[in-house]
Amino acid sequence: MQLPCPNCGRMLEAPEPLPPSAQCPFCAVVFTPAEPDARGTLGPSAARDPRQIAAERIGAPAIALIVTGVFDLLGAVVDLIARLMLLSGAIAPPAAFPNLFDPDAIRLGLVMDVVSLVIGVVIIYGAVKMRRLESFGVAITTSIVCMLPCVTCCFCLGIPFGIWALVVLNQEAVRAAFR
């Protein structure tokens, strides 16, 4: 008897009578095989919704990108506050490096902090869309933006998480599940 794996959809050979549980040799998921009905077709418990499978696959990379976006936001906010305090004179630059804290450089850093804030929000927004399987283009863009080293302060997290998200997004079952 053949039955489909509820996770990857591949057809598996199963002994008769069906065991109480089975493990797919391809994706290693353990599941309860469904008994065939009178016509010999498997019941609805054997088949899972493809969107649910895709949501399970994309869930962890999306959460990792959300975490990266939150760290990027936090880093930008802390840096922004420190630069504003330096520029206003609330804190003095260290005596050992008086020329390192040029007001023009601090202003440029403020602009970069604002850009980093916006990028952090974009990463979080795109990762939430990715988790909901709502916009494939936004999900791909978010994964790529997260890996850019000059844009985010957390690119050391963004590179592996962005690659992970891209690999999962390019799986046929996941790509097909997006609206």
N, C-alpha and C. Protein backbone atom coordinates (compact mmCIF):
# COMPACT_ATOMS: atom_id res chain seq x y z
N MET A 1 0.85 -1.17 0.00
CA MET A 1 0.00 0.00 0.00
C MET A 1 0.90 1.23 0.00
N GLN A 2 0.49 2.25 -0.74
CA GLN A 2 1.23 3.50 -0.77
C GLN A 2 0.41 4.60 -0.10
N LEU A 3 1.11 5.47 0.60
CA LEU A 3 0.45 6.63 1.21
C LEU A 3 1.39 7.82 1.15
N PRO A 4 0.81 9.04 1.06
CA PRO A 4 1.67 10.23 0.95
C PRO A 4 2.17 10.69 2.33
N CYS A 5 3.37 11.20 2.34
CA CYS A 5 3.88 11.83 3.56
C CYS A 5 3.13 13.14 3.74
N PRO A 6 2.59 13.41 4.93
CA PRO A 6 1.83 14.65 5.13
C PRO A 6 2.70 15.90 5.13
N ASN A 7 4.02 15.74 5.24
CA ASN A 7 4.91 16.90 5.27
C ASN A 7 5.47 17.22 3.89
N CYS A 8 6.10 16.23 3.25
CA CYS A 8 6.75 16.50 1.96
C CYS A 8 5.94 16.03 0.76
N GLY A 9 4.90 15.19 0.98
CA GLY A 9 4.02 14.76 -0.09
C GLY A 9 4.54 13.58 -0.89
N ARG A 10 5.71 13.06 -0.59
CA ARG A 10 6.24 11.91 -1.34
C ARG A 10 5.46 10.65 -0.99
N MET A 11 5.32 9.77 -1.97
CA MET A 11 4.58 8.53 -1.76
C MET A 11 5.50 7.52 -1.06
N LEU A 12 4.97 6.89 -0.03
CA LEU A 12 5.73 5.95 0.78
C LEU A 12 5.07 4.58 0.73
N GLU A 13 5.88 3.54 0.77
CA GLU A 13 5.36 2.18 0.86
C GLU A 13 5.04 1.89 2.33
N ALA A 14 3.84 1.36 2.57
CA ALA A 14 3.43 1.05 3.94
C ALA A 14 2.93 -0.39 3.99
N PRO A 15 3.24 -1.09 5.07
CA PRO A 15 2.75 -2.47 5.20
C PRO A 15 1.26 -2.48 5.54
N GLU A 16 0.63 -3.61 5.27
CA GLU A 16 -0.76 -3.78 5.68
C GLU A 16 -0.79 -4.79 6.80
N PRO A 17 -1.46 -4.58 7.87
CA PRO A 17 -2.21 -3.37 8.25
C PRO A 17 -1.25 -2.23 8.59
N LEU A 18 -1.79 -1.02 8.51
CA LEU A 18 -0.97 0.17 8.77
C LEU A 18 -0.49 0.20 10.22
N PRO A 19 0.76 0.58 10.43
CA PRO A 19 1.26 0.69 11.81
C PRO A 19 0.65 1.93 12.49
N PRO A 20 0.73 2.02 13.81
CA PRO A 20 0.16 3.19 14.51
C PRO A 20 0.89 4.49 14.20
N SER A 21 2.17 4.39 13.83
CA SER A 21 2.90 5.59 13.44
C SER A 21 3.92 5.21 12.37
N ALA A 22 4.28 6.21 11.56
CA ALA A 22 5.25 5.99 10.49
C ALA A 22 6.19 7.18 10.44
N GLN A 23 7.38 6.95 9.89
CA GLN A 23 8.34 8.03 9.73
C GLN A 23 8.76 8.09 8.27
N CYS A 24 8.70 9.30 7.70
CA CYS A 24 9.10 9.51 6.31
C CYS A 24 10.62 9.42 6.23
N PRO A 25 11.16 8.59 5.32
CA PRO A 25 12.62 8.50 5.21
C PRO A 25 13.24 9.72 4.53
N PHE A 26 12.42 10.55 3.88
CA PHE A 26 12.95 11.71 3.17
C PHE A 26 13.03 12.95 4.06
N CYS A 27 11.97 13.23 4.82
CA CYS A 27 11.96 14.45 5.64
C CYS A 27 11.96 14.16 7.14
N ALA A 28 11.91 12.88 7.52
CA ALA A 28 12.01 12.41 8.90
C ALA A 28 10.83 12.81 9.79
N VAL A 29 9.70 13.23 9.20
CA VAL A 29 8.54 13.57 10.01
C VAL A 29 7.84 12.27 10.44
N VAL A 30 7.39 12.24 11.69
CA VAL A 30 6.64 11.11 12.21
C VAL A 30 5.17 11.47 12.16
N PHE A 31 4.34 10.55 11.62
CA PHE A 31 2.92 10.85 11.47
C PHE A 31 2.10 9.59 11.68
N THR A 32 0.79 9.77 11.85
CA THR A 32 -0.14 8.66 11.99
C THR A 32 -0.77 8.40 10.64
N PRO A 33 -0.53 7.23 10.05
CA PRO A 33 -1.11 6.96 8.73
C PRO A 33 -2.62 6.84 8.82
N ALA A 34 -3.31 7.31 7.80
CA ALA A 34 -4.77 7.24 7.76
C ALA A 34 -5.20 5.99 7.00
N GLU A 35 -6.26 5.38 7.46
CA GLU A 35 -6.81 4.19 6.79
C GLU A 35 -7.52 4.63 5.50
N PRO A 36 -7.39 3.83 4.43
CA PRO A 36 -8.11 4.16 3.20
C PRO A 36 -9.61 3.90 3.38
N ASP A 37 -10.42 4.66 2.64
CA ASP A 37 -11.87 4.47 2.72
C ASP A 37 -12.27 3.32 1.79
N ALA A 38 -13.57 3.15 1.55
CA ALA A 38 -14.08 2.04 0.76
C ALA A 38 -13.56 2.07 -0.69
N ARG A 39 -13.29 3.27 -1.21
CA ARG A 39 -12.79 3.39 -2.58
C ARG A 39 -11.28 3.18 -2.67
N GLY A 40 -10.61 3.06 -1.52
CA GLY A 40 -9.17 2.85 -1.52
C GLY A 40 -8.37 4.14 -1.46
N THR A 41 -9.05 5.29 -1.32
CA THR A 41 -8.33 6.56 -1.21
C THR A 41 -8.12 6.88 0.26
N LEU A 42 -7.08 7.57 0.52
CA LEU A 42 -6.76 7.93 1.90
C LEU A 42 -7.64 9.06 2.37
N GLY A 43 -7.98 9.03 3.65
CA GLY A 43 -8.85 10.05 4.22
C GLY A 43 -8.16 11.40 4.35
N PRO A 44 -8.92 12.42 4.76
CA PRO A 44 -8.37 13.77 4.84
C PRO A 44 -7.30 13.93 5.91
N SER A 45 -7.23 12.99 6.86
CA SER A 45 -6.23 13.15 7.91
C SER A 45 -4.81 12.91 7.39
N ALA A 46 -4.68 12.21 6.24
CA ALA A 46 -3.35 11.96 5.71
C ALA A 46 -2.78 13.16 4.98
N ALA A 47 -3.63 13.96 4.40
CA ALA A 47 -3.17 15.12 3.64
C ALA A 47 -3.23 16.36 4.52
N ARG A 48 -2.17 17.17 4.44
CA ARG A 48 -2.15 18.42 5.20
C ARG A 48 -2.22 19.58 4.24
N ASP A 49 -2.69 20.69 4.76
CA ASP A 49 -2.80 21.90 3.96
C ASP A 49 -1.40 22.37 3.57
N PRO A 50 -1.16 22.60 2.27
CA PRO A 50 0.17 23.05 1.84
C PRO A 50 0.58 24.39 2.46
N ARG A 51 -0.39 25.27 2.70
CA ARG A 51 -0.05 26.55 3.35
C ARG A 51 0.42 26.32 4.78
N GLN A 52 -0.15 25.35 5.46
CA GLN A 52 0.29 25.06 6.82
C GLN A 52 1.71 24.51 6.82
N ILE A 53 2.02 23.65 5.87
CA ILE A 53 3.37 23.11 5.76
C ILE A 53 4.36 24.24 5.46
N ALA A 54 4.00 25.12 4.53
CA ALA A 54 4.88 26.24 4.18
C ALA A 54 5.06 27.18 5.38
N ALA A 55 3.98 27.42 6.12
CA ALA A 55 4.07 28.29 7.30
C ALA A 55 5.00 27.69 8.35
N GLU A 56 4.96 26.38 8.50
CA GLU A 56 5.86 25.73 9.45
C GLU A 56 7.31 25.85 9.01
N ARG A 57 7.54 25.72 7.71
CA ARG A 57 8.91 25.81 7.20
C ARG A 57 9.47 27.22 7.30
N ILE A 58 8.65 28.23 7.05
CA ILE A 58 9.14 29.61 7.00
C ILE A 58 9.10 30.28 8.38
N GLY A 59 8.45 29.65 9.34
CA GLY A 59 8.28 30.27 10.66
C GLY A 59 9.58 30.63 11.36
N ALA A 60 10.50 29.68 11.46
CA ALA A 60 11.74 29.93 12.18
C ALA A 60 12.63 30.98 11.50
N PRO A 61 12.83 30.92 10.16
CA PRO A 61 13.63 31.99 9.54
C PRO A 61 12.98 33.36 9.67
N ALA A 62 11.65 33.40 9.62
CA ALA A 62 10.97 34.69 9.76
C ALA A 62 11.17 35.26 11.16
N ILE A 63 11.08 34.43 12.16
CA ILE A 63 11.31 34.89 13.53
C ILE A 63 12.76 35.34 13.70
N ALA A 64 13.69 34.62 13.09
CA ALA A 64 15.10 35.03 13.17
C ALA A 64 15.30 36.40 12.53
N LEU A 65 14.61 36.68 11.42
CA LEU A 65 14.72 37.99 10.79
C LEU A 65 14.06 39.07 11.66
N ILE A 66 12.97 38.74 12.33
CA ILE A 66 12.34 39.70 13.25
C ILE A 66 13.31 40.05 14.37
N VAL A 67 13.97 39.04 14.93
CA VAL A 67 14.95 39.29 15.99
C VAL A 67 16.08 40.18 15.48
N THR A 68 16.55 39.91 14.27
CA THR A 68 17.60 40.73 13.68
C THR A 68 17.13 42.17 13.51
N GLY A 69 15.90 42.36 13.05
CA GLY A 69 15.35 43.70 12.90
C GLY A 69 15.21 44.43 14.23
N VAL A 70 14.81 43.71 15.27
CA VAL A 70 14.69 44.31 16.60
C VAL A 70 16.07 44.73 17.12
N PHE A 71 17.06 43.86 16.95
CA PHE A 71 18.43 44.23 17.37
C PHE A 71 18.93 45.43 16.58
N ASP A 72 18.61 45.49 15.31
CA ASP A 72 19.01 46.63 14.49
C ASP A 72 18.35 47.91 15.00
N LEU A 73 17.06 47.82 15.32
CA LEU A 73 16.36 48.99 15.88
C LEU A 73 16.97 49.43 17.21
N LEU A 74 17.20 48.47 18.09
CA LEU A 74 17.77 48.82 19.40
C LEU A 74 19.15 49.45 19.26
N GLY A 75 19.99 48.87 18.40
CA GLY A 75 21.32 49.44 18.18
C GLY A 75 21.25 50.84 17.61
N ALA A 76 20.33 51.07 16.68
CA ALA A 76 20.19 52.40 16.08
C ALA A 76 19.69 53.41 17.11
N VAL A 77 18.77 53.01 17.96
CA VAL A 77 18.23 53.93 18.97
C VAL A 77 19.32 54.31 19.98
N VAL A 78 20.08 53.33 20.45
CA VAL A 78 21.15 53.61 21.42
C VAL A 78 22.20 54.52 20.78
N ASP A 79 22.59 54.22 19.55
CA ASP A 79 23.58 55.03 18.85
C ASP A 79 23.05 56.44 18.60
N LEU A 80 21.80 56.54 18.24
CA LEU A 80 21.17 57.85 17.99
C LEU A 80 21.17 58.70 19.26
N ILE A 81 20.81 58.10 20.37
CA ILE A 81 20.79 58.84 21.64
C ILE A 81 22.21 59.29 22.01
N ALA A 82 23.18 58.42 21.85
CA ALA A 82 24.56 58.78 22.19
C ALA A 82 25.07 59.92 21.30
N ARG A 83 24.77 59.87 20.01
CA ARG A 83 25.23 60.93 19.11
C ARG A 83 24.53 62.26 19.41
N LEU A 84 23.24 62.19 19.73
CA LEU A 84 22.53 63.42 20.09
C LEU A 84 23.11 64.03 21.36
N MET A 85 23.45 63.19 22.32
CA MET A 85 24.05 63.70 23.55
C MET A 85 25.43 64.30 23.29
N LEU A 86 26.21 63.68 22.41
CA LEU A 86 27.52 64.24 22.05
C LEU A 86 27.37 65.57 21.33
N LEU A 87 26.42 65.63 20.41
CA LEU A 87 26.23 66.84 19.62
C LEU A 87 25.71 67.99 20.46
N SER A 88 24.86 67.68 21.43
CA SER A 88 24.30 68.74 22.29
C SER A 88 25.25 69.16 23.40
N GLY A 89 26.27 68.36 23.64
CA GLY A 89 27.22 68.70 24.70
C GLY A 89 26.84 68.11 26.04
N ALA A 90 25.81 67.27 26.07
CA ALA A 90 25.39 66.65 27.34
C ALA A 90 26.47 65.72 27.86
N ILE A 91 27.21 65.09 26.95
CA ILE A 91 28.37 64.31 27.36
C ILE A 91 29.56 64.81 26.55
N ALA A 92 30.72 64.77 27.16
CA ALA A 92 31.93 65.26 26.50
C ALA A 92 32.68 64.09 25.87
N PRO A 93 33.33 64.35 24.74
CA PRO A 93 34.13 63.28 24.15
C PRO A 93 35.31 62.96 25.05
N PRO A 94 35.83 61.76 24.97
CA PRO A 94 36.98 61.40 25.81
C PRO A 94 38.18 62.32 25.51
N ALA A 95 38.92 62.65 26.54
CA ALA A 95 40.07 63.56 26.38
C ALA A 95 41.15 62.95 25.49
N ALA A 96 41.23 61.65 25.44
CA ALA A 96 42.27 61.00 24.64
C ALA A 96 42.01 61.15 23.14
N PHE A 97 40.73 61.36 22.74
CA PHE A 97 40.38 61.45 21.32
C PHE A 97 39.54 62.70 21.03
N PRO A 98 40.08 63.89 21.24
CA PRO A 98 39.24 65.09 21.05
C PRO A 98 38.88 65.33 19.58
N ASN A 99 39.74 64.97 18.65
CA ASN A 99 39.47 65.23 17.23
C ASN A 99 38.60 64.15 16.59
N LEU A 100 38.42 63.06 17.28
CA LEU A 100 37.64 61.96 16.72
C LEU A 100 36.15 62.29 16.68
N PHE A 101 35.71 63.20 17.51
CA PHE A 101 34.30 63.52 17.62
C PHE A 101 34.00 64.84 16.93
N ASP A 102 34.22 64.89 15.64
CA ASP A 102 33.95 66.07 14.82
C ASP A 102 32.43 66.21 14.69
N PRO A 103 31.88 67.42 14.86
CA PRO A 103 30.42 67.61 14.76
C PRO A 103 29.85 67.17 13.41
N ASP A 104 30.60 67.36 12.33
CA ASP A 104 30.11 66.93 11.02
C ASP A 104 30.01 65.40 10.94
N ALA A 105 30.98 64.73 11.51
CA ALA A 105 30.94 63.26 11.54
C ALA A 105 29.79 62.77 12.39
N ILE A 106 29.51 63.46 13.48
CA ILE A 106 28.39 63.08 14.35
C ILE A 106 27.07 63.27 13.60
N ARG A 107 26.95 64.36 12.85
CA ARG A 107 25.72 64.60 12.07
C ARG A 107 25.53 63.53 11.00
N LEU A 108 26.62 63.16 10.34
CA LEU A 108 26.54 62.09 9.35
C LEU A 108 26.12 60.77 10.02
N GLY A 109 26.64 60.52 11.20
CA GLY A 109 26.24 59.34 11.96
C GLY A 109 24.77 59.36 12.32
N LEU A 110 24.25 60.56 12.63
CA LEU A 110 22.81 60.68 12.92
C LEU A 110 21.97 60.28 11.71
N VAL A 111 22.40 60.72 10.54
CA VAL A 111 21.68 60.35 9.31
C VAL A 111 21.72 58.83 9.13
N MET A 112 22.88 58.23 9.34
CA MET A 112 23.00 56.78 9.20
C MET A 112 22.14 56.04 10.24
N ASP A 113 22.04 56.61 11.44
CA ASP A 113 21.19 56.00 12.47
C ASP A 113 19.72 56.04 12.07
N VAL A 114 19.29 57.14 11.48
CA VAL A 114 17.90 57.23 11.02
C VAL A 114 17.65 56.22 9.91
N VAL A 115 18.61 56.09 8.99
CA VAL A 115 18.48 55.09 7.92
C VAL A 115 18.41 53.68 8.53
N SER A 116 19.23 53.42 9.53
CA SER A 116 19.23 52.12 10.19
C SER A 116 17.90 51.86 10.90
N LEU A 117 17.31 52.90 11.49
CA LEU A 117 15.99 52.76 12.10
C LEU A 117 14.95 52.35 11.06
N VAL A 118 14.97 53.02 9.93
CA VAL A 118 14.01 52.71 8.86
C VAL A 118 14.23 51.29 8.35
N ILE A 119 15.48 50.90 8.15
CA ILE A 119 15.79 49.55 7.68
C ILE A 119 15.33 48.51 8.70
N GLY A 120 15.51 48.78 9.98
CA GLY A 120 15.04 47.85 11.01
C GLY A 120 13.54 47.66 10.96
N VAL A 121 12.81 48.75 10.76
CA VAL A 121 11.35 48.65 10.63
C VAL A 121 10.98 47.86 9.38
N VAL A 122 11.67 48.11 8.28
CA VAL A 122 11.41 47.39 7.03
C VAL A 122 11.68 45.89 7.21
N ILE A 123 12.75 45.54 7.89
CA ILE A 123 13.06 44.12 8.12
C ILE A 123 11.98 43.46 8.95
N ILE A 124 11.54 44.12 10.01
CA ILE A 124 10.50 43.55 10.85
C ILE A 124 9.19 43.42 10.06
N TYR A 125 8.83 44.46 9.31
CA TYR A 125 7.61 44.42 8.50
C TYR A 125 7.67 43.27 7.48
N GLY A 126 8.79 43.16 6.77
CA GLY A 126 8.92 42.10 5.78
C GLY A 126 8.92 40.71 6.39
N ALA A 127 9.53 40.56 7.55
CA ALA A 127 9.56 39.26 8.21
C ALA A 127 8.17 38.85 8.70
N VAL A 128 7.39 39.83 9.16
CA VAL A 128 6.01 39.54 9.57
C VAL A 128 5.20 39.12 8.34
N LYS A 129 5.37 39.82 7.23
CA LYS A 129 4.69 39.43 5.98
C LYS A 129 5.12 38.03 5.56
N MET A 130 6.42 37.74 5.70
CA MET A 130 6.93 36.42 5.35
C MET A 130 6.28 35.35 6.22
N ARG A 131 6.19 35.60 7.50
CA ARG A 131 5.60 34.63 8.42
C ARG A 131 4.14 34.36 8.10
N ARG A 132 3.43 35.39 7.61
CA ARG A 132 2.01 35.24 7.24
C ARG A 132 1.81 34.74 5.82
N LEU A 133 2.91 34.51 5.10
CA LEU A 133 2.87 34.06 3.70
C LEU A 133 2.09 35.04 2.82
N GLU A 134 2.33 36.34 3.00
CA GLU A 134 1.53 37.34 2.31
C GLU A 134 2.17 37.94 1.07
N SER A 135 3.45 38.15 1.04
CA SER A 135 4.06 38.82 -0.11
C SER A 135 5.44 38.22 -0.38
N PHE A 136 5.53 37.44 -1.44
CA PHE A 136 6.78 36.76 -1.75
C PHE A 136 7.88 37.76 -2.09
N GLY A 137 7.57 38.80 -2.85
CA GLY A 137 8.56 39.80 -3.22
C GLY A 137 9.12 40.54 -2.01
N VAL A 138 8.24 40.90 -1.09
CA VAL A 138 8.68 41.58 0.14
C VAL A 138 9.54 40.63 0.98
N ALA A 139 9.17 39.37 1.02
CA ALA A 139 9.95 38.39 1.80
C ALA A 139 11.35 38.22 1.23
N ILE A 140 11.47 38.12 -0.08
CA ILE A 140 12.78 37.99 -0.71
C ILE A 140 13.61 39.26 -0.47
N THR A 141 12.98 40.42 -0.66
CA THR A 141 13.68 41.69 -0.46
C THR A 141 14.16 41.83 0.97
N THR A 142 13.33 41.45 1.93
CA THR A 142 13.71 41.53 3.34
C THR A 142 14.92 40.63 3.62
N SER A 143 14.92 39.43 3.06
CA SER A 143 16.03 38.51 3.28
C SER A 143 17.33 39.08 2.73
N ILE A 144 17.24 39.74 1.58
CA ILE A 144 18.44 40.31 0.96
C ILE A 144 18.91 41.55 1.73
N VAL A 145 17.98 42.44 2.09
CA VAL A 145 18.34 43.66 2.81
C VAL A 145 18.98 43.32 4.15
N CYS A 146 18.50 42.27 4.78
CA CYS A 146 19.03 41.87 6.08
C CYS A 146 20.49 41.46 5.99
N MET A 147 20.94 41.05 4.82
CA MET A 147 22.32 40.60 4.65
C MET A 147 23.29 41.71 4.26
N LEU A 148 22.80 42.91 3.96
CA LEU A 148 23.68 43.98 3.51
C LEU A 148 24.50 44.52 4.67
N PRO A 149 25.82 44.46 4.58
CA PRO A 149 26.66 44.84 5.72
C PRO A 149 26.69 46.33 6.01
N CYS A 150 26.50 47.17 5.05
CA CYS A 150 26.60 48.62 5.28
C CYS A 150 25.27 49.24 5.67
N VAL A 151 24.22 48.46 5.70
CA VAL A 151 22.89 49.00 5.96
C VAL A 151 22.44 48.74 7.38
N THR A 152 22.73 47.56 7.89
CA THR A 152 22.27 47.21 9.24
C THR A 152 23.47 47.03 10.17
N CYS A 153 23.22 47.26 11.45
CA CYS A 153 24.30 47.06 12.41
C CYS A 153 24.39 45.60 12.83
N CYS A 154 23.39 44.81 12.53
CA CYS A 154 23.37 43.40 12.92
C CYS A 154 23.54 42.49 11.72
N PHE A 155 24.38 42.87 10.77
CA PHE A 155 24.54 42.03 9.59
C PHE A 155 25.22 40.71 9.91
N CYS A 156 25.92 40.63 11.06
CA CYS A 156 26.53 39.34 11.44
C CYS A 156 25.43 38.32 11.75
N LEU A 157 24.28 38.76 12.21
CA LEU A 157 23.12 37.88 12.35
C LEU A 157 22.34 37.81 11.04
N GLY A 158 22.30 38.92 10.33
CA GLY A 158 21.50 39.01 9.12
C GLY A 158 22.00 38.13 8.00
N ILE A 159 23.30 37.92 7.90
CA ILE A 159 23.84 37.10 6.81
C ILE A 159 23.37 35.64 6.93
N PRO A 160 23.60 34.97 8.05
CA PRO A 160 23.13 33.57 8.10
C PRO A 160 21.60 33.46 8.09
N PHE A 161 20.92 34.39 8.78
CA PHE A 161 19.46 34.32 8.81
C PHE A 161 18.86 34.66 7.44
N GLY A 162 19.46 35.61 6.75
CA GLY A 162 18.99 35.97 5.41
C GLY A 162 19.19 34.83 4.43
N ILE A 163 20.34 34.16 4.51
CA ILE A 163 20.58 33.00 3.63
C ILE A 163 19.59 31.89 3.95
N TRP A 164 19.38 31.64 5.22
CA TRP A 164 18.43 30.61 5.64
C TRP A 164 17.04 30.92 5.09
N ALA A 165 16.61 32.17 5.23
CA ALA A 165 15.29 32.56 4.72
C ALA A 165 15.21 32.40 3.21
N LEU A 166 16.26 32.79 2.49
CA LEU A 166 16.25 32.64 1.03
C LEU A 166 16.18 31.18 0.61
N VAL A 167 16.90 30.31 1.32
CA VAL A 167 16.86 28.88 0.98
C VAL A 167 15.45 28.34 1.17
N VAL A 168 14.81 28.68 2.29
CA VAL A 168 13.46 28.19 2.55
C VAL A 168 12.46 28.82 1.57
N LEU A 169 12.62 30.11 1.29
CA LEU A 169 11.71 30.78 0.36
C LEU A 169 11.78 30.20 -1.05
N ASN A 170 12.91 29.67 -1.43
CA ASN A 170 13.06 29.12 -2.77
C ASN A 170 12.63 27.66 -2.89
N GLN A 171 12.11 27.08 -1.82
CA GLN A 171 11.52 25.75 -1.93
C GLN A 171 10.18 25.89 -2.65
N GLU A 172 9.92 24.98 -3.54
CA GLU A 172 8.73 25.07 -4.40
C GLU A 172 7.44 25.13 -3.58
N ALA A 173 7.34 24.30 -2.54
CA ALA A 173 6.12 24.27 -1.73
C ALA A 173 5.90 25.58 -1.00
N VAL A 174 6.98 26.21 -0.56
CA VAL A 174 6.86 27.48 0.16
C VAL A 174 6.51 28.59 -0.81
N ARG A 175 7.18 28.64 -1.95
CA ARG A 175 6.92 29.68 -2.95
C ARG A 175 5.46 29.63 -3.41
N ALA A 176 4.94 28.42 -3.61
CA ALA A 176 3.56 28.27 -4.09
C ALA A 176 2.53 28.69 -3.05
N ALA A 177 2.89 28.67 -1.78
CA ALA A 177 1.93 28.97 -0.71
C ALA A 177 1.72 30.47 -0.52
N PHE A 178 2.60 31.32 -1.06
CA PHE A 178 2.45 32.77 -0.89
C PHE A 178 1.27 33.28 -1.70
N ARG A 179 0.58 34.29 -1.14
CA ARG A 179 -0.54 34.93 -1.86
C ARG A 179 -0.02 36.03 -2.72
